[in-house]
C-alpha atoms as a PDB file:
ATOM      1  CA  MET A   1      26.868  -7.183  -1.689  1.00  0.00           C
ATOM      2  CA  GLY A   2      26.272  -5.199  -4.786  1.00  0.00           C
ATOM      3  CA  THR A   3      26.204  -6.366  -8.323  1.00  0.00           C
ATOM      4  CA  ASP A   4      28.612  -9.161  -9.569  1.00  0.00           C
ATOM      5  CA  HIS A   5      30.635  -7.613 -12.306  1.00  0.00           C
ATOM      6  CA  HIS A   6      32.081 -10.922 -13.286  1.00  0.00           C
ATOM      7  CA  ASN A   7      28.751 -12.027 -14.577  1.00  0.00           C
ATOM      8  CA  ASP A   8      28.114  -8.791 -16.569  1.00  0.00           C
ATOM      9  CA  ILE A   9      31.317  -9.708 -18.686  1.00  0.00           C
ATOM     10  CA  HIS A  10      29.749 -13.227 -19.573  1.00  0.00           C
ATOM     11  CA  ARG A  11      26.413 -11.791 -20.526  1.00  0.00           C
ATOM     12  CA  SER A  12      25.551 -12.210 -24.199  1.00  0.00           C
ATOM     13  CA  ARG A  13      25.552  -9.387 -26.576  1.00  0.00           C
ATOM     14  CA  LYS A  14      22.116  -9.919 -27.569  1.00  0.00           C
ATOM     15  CA  LYS A  15      20.743  -9.803 -23.879  1.00  0.00           C
ATOM     16  CA  MET A  16      22.981  -6.706 -23.269  1.00  0.00           C
ATOM     17  CA  LEU A  17      21.726  -4.838 -26.443  1.00  0.00           C
ATOM     18  CA  LEU A  18      17.997  -5.793 -25.516  1.00  0.00           C
ATOM     19  CA  ASP A  19      18.364  -4.546 -22.073  1.00  0.00           C
ATOM     20  CA  ASN A  20      20.152  -1.266 -23.059  1.00  0.00           C
ATOM     21  CA  PHE A  21      17.481  -0.884 -25.731  1.00  0.00           C
ATOM     22  CA  VAL A  22      14.354  -1.184 -23.446  1.00  0.00           C
ATOM     23  CA  GLY A  23      16.233   0.844 -20.771  1.00  0.00           C
ATOM     24  CA  GLY A  24      16.649   3.704 -23.472  1.00  0.00           C
ATOM     25  CA  ILE A  25      12.938   3.313 -24.465  1.00  0.00           C
ATOM     26  CA  ALA A  26      11.916   3.499 -20.842  1.00  0.00           C
ATOM     27  CA  TRP A  27      14.058   6.584 -20.237  1.00  0.00           C
ATOM     28  CA  GLY A  28      12.901   8.505 -23.475  1.00  0.00           C
ATOM     29  CA  PHE A  29       9.327   7.889 -22.618  1.00  0.00           C
ATOM     30  CA  GLY A  30       9.684   8.894 -19.080  1.00  0.00           C
ATOM     31  CA  THR A  31      11.559  12.169 -20.133  1.00  0.00           C
ATOM     32  CA  VAL A  32       8.721  12.968 -22.591  1.00  0.00           C
ATOM     33  CA  ILE A  33       6.033  12.446 -20.048  1.00  0.00           C
ATOM     34  CA  GLY A  34       7.860  14.351 -17.255  1.00  0.00           C
ATOM     35  CA  GLY A  35       8.673  17.200 -19.683  1.00  0.00           C
ATOM     36  CA  THR A  36       4.913  17.193 -20.815  1.00  0.00           C
ATOM     37  CA  LEU A  37       3.710  17.511 -17.074  1.00  0.00           C
ATOM     38  CA  VAL A  38       6.200  20.172 -16.444  1.00  0.00           C
ATOM     39  CA  ILE A  39       5.161  22.319 -19.487  1.00  0.00           C
ATOM     40  CA  LEU A  40       1.580  21.642 -18.611  1.00  0.00           C
ATOM     41  CA  LEU A  41       1.992  22.709 -14.927  1.00  0.00           C
ATOM     42  CA  ILE A  42       3.770  26.008 -16.034  1.00  0.00           C
ATOM     43  CA  GLY A  43       1.164  26.842 -18.768  1.00  0.00           C
ATOM     44  CA  TYR A  44      -1.582  26.246 -16.184  1.00  0.00           C
ATOM     45  CA  ILE A  45      -0.075  28.549 -13.770  1.00  0.00           C
ATOM     46  CA  LEU A  46       0.756  31.277 -16.194  1.00  0.00           C
ATOM     47  CA  SER A  47      -3.014  31.174 -17.712  1.00  0.00           C
ATOM     48  CA  LYS A  48      -4.019  31.988 -14.237  1.00  0.00           C
ATOM     49  CA  VAL A  49      -1.776  34.956 -13.409  1.00  0.00           C
ATOM     50  CA  GLU A  50      -3.439  38.110 -14.028  1.00  0.00           C
ATOM     51  CA  LEU A  51      -0.322  40.352 -13.430  1.00  0.00           C
ATOM     52  CA  ILE A  52       1.137  39.341 -16.812  1.00  0.00           C
ATOM     53  CA  PRO A  53      -1.967  40.089 -19.160  1.00  0.00           C
ATOM     54  CA  ILE A  54       0.117  39.198 -22.340  1.00  0.00           C
ATOM     55  CA  ILE A  55       1.093  35.689 -21.309  1.00  0.00           C
ATOM     56  CA  GLY A  56      -2.386  35.108 -19.654  1.00  0.00           C
ATOM     57  CA  ASP A  57      -4.186  36.156 -23.040  1.00  0.00           C
ATOM     58  CA  TRP A  58      -1.645  34.062 -25.087  1.00  0.00           C
ATOM     59  CA  MET A  59      -2.337  30.998 -22.941  1.00  0.00           C
ATOM     60  CA  HIS A  60      -6.055  31.414 -22.889  1.00  0.00           C
ATOM     61  CA  ALA A  61      -5.874  31.642 -26.745  1.00  0.00           C
ATOM     62  CA  ILE A  62      -3.987  28.361 -26.678  1.00  0.00           C
ATOM     63  CA  THR A  63      -6.373  26.847 -24.404  1.00  0.00           C
ATOM     64  CA  GLN A  64      -9.372  27.728 -26.495  1.00  0.00           C
ATOM     65  CA  GLU A  65      -7.576  26.310 -29.676  1.00  0.00           C
ATOM     66  CA  VAL A  66      -6.905  23.101 -27.990  1.00  0.00           C
ATOM     67  CA  GLN A  67     -10.457  22.855 -26.707  1.00  0.00           C
ATOM     68  CA  ARG A  68     -11.835  23.618 -30.091  1.00  0.00           C
ATOM     69  CA  HIS A  69      -9.741  20.879 -31.767  1.00  0.00           C
ATOM     70  CA  THR A  70     -10.606  18.406 -28.980  1.00  0.00           C
ATOM     71  CA  ILE A  71     -14.172  19.086 -29.522  1.00  0.00           C
ATOM     72  CA  LYS A  72     -13.978  18.200 -33.394  1.00  0.00           C
ATOM     73  CA  ASN A  73     -12.125  14.848 -32.507  1.00  0.00           C
END
Protein backbone atom coordinates (compact mmCIF):
# COMPACT_ATOMS: atom_id res chain seq x y z
CA MET A 1 0.00 0.00 0.00
CA GLY A 2 1.63 3.22 -1.15
CA THR A 3 5.28 3.65 -1.98
CA ASP A 4 8.03 1.94 -0.08
CA HIS A 5 10.23 4.81 1.15
CA HIS A 6 12.95 2.36 2.12
CA ASN A 7 13.65 1.69 -1.57
CA ASP A 8 13.88 5.43 -2.29
CA ILE A 9 16.81 5.73 0.13
CA HIS A 10 18.79 3.10 -1.75
CA ARG A 11 18.17 4.52 -5.21
CA SER A 12 21.31 5.66 -7.01
CA ARG A 13 21.95 9.39 -7.28
CA LYS A 14 22.21 9.07 -11.05
CA LYS A 15 18.74 7.50 -11.27
CA MET A 16 17.30 10.09 -8.88
CA LEU A 17 18.82 13.01 -10.82
CA LEU A 18 17.63 11.60 -14.14
CA ASP A 19 14.09 11.09 -12.82
CA ASN A 20 13.96 14.62 -11.40
CA PHE A 21 15.41 16.12 -14.58
CA VAL A 22 12.89 14.37 -16.83
CA GLY A 23 10.08 15.29 -14.45
CA GLY A 24 11.16 18.94 -14.51
CA ILE A 25 11.31 18.99 -18.30
CA ALA A 26 7.82 17.45 -18.51
CA TRP A 27 6.45 19.92 -15.94
CA GLY A 28 7.95 22.89 -17.80
CA PHE A 29 6.68 21.69 -21.17
CA GLY A 30 3.19 21.14 -19.76
CA THR A 31 3.20 24.58 -18.18
CA VAL A 32 4.16 26.27 -21.44
CA ILE A 33 1.58 24.36 -23.48
CA GLY A 34 -1.15 24.99 -20.90
CA GLY A 35 -0.33 28.69 -20.65
CA THR A 36 -0.29 29.02 -24.42
CA LEU A 37 -3.71 27.42 -24.72
CA VAL A 38 -5.17 29.65 -21.99
CA ILE A 39 -3.77 32.83 -23.61
CA LEU A 40 -4.99 31.65 -27.02
CA LEU A 41 -8.49 31.04 -25.67
CA ILE A 42 -8.61 34.41 -23.89
CA GLY A 43 -7.32 36.16 -27.02
CA TYR A 44 -9.89 34.44 -29.21
CA ILE A 45 -12.74 35.34 -26.86
CA LEU A 46 -11.58 38.95 -26.58
CA SER A 47 -11.27 39.27 -30.36
CA LYS A 48 -14.93 38.28 -30.71
CA VAL A 49 -16.19 40.73 -28.08
CA GLU A 50 -17.75 43.79 -29.67
CA LEU A 51 -18.42 45.53 -26.35
CA ILE A 52 -14.76 46.40 -25.98
CA PRO A 53 -13.77 47.83 -29.37
CA ILE A 54 -10.24 48.83 -28.34
CA ILE A 55 -9.31 45.31 -27.29
CA GLY A 56 -11.19 43.83 -30.26
CA ASP A 57 -9.29 46.09 -32.70
CA TRP A 58 -5.99 45.31 -30.98
CA MET A 59 -6.62 41.56 -31.16
CA HIS A 60 -7.70 41.92 -34.80
CA ALA A 61 -4.42 43.70 -35.60
CA ILE A 62 -2.43 40.98 -33.85
CA THR A 63 -4.35 38.27 -35.71
CA GLN A 64 -3.70 39.94 -39.06
CA GLU A 65 0.01 40.32 -38.26
CA VAL A 66 0.30 36.66 -37.28
CA GLN A 67 -1.53 35.58 -40.43
CA ARG A 68 0.72 37.81 -42.56
CA HIS A 69 3.84 36.23 -41.08
CA THR A 70 2.38 32.74 -41.37
CA ILE A 71 1.73 33.18 -45.08
CA LYS A 72 5.35 34.36 -45.66
CA ASN A 73 6.74 31.23 -43.98
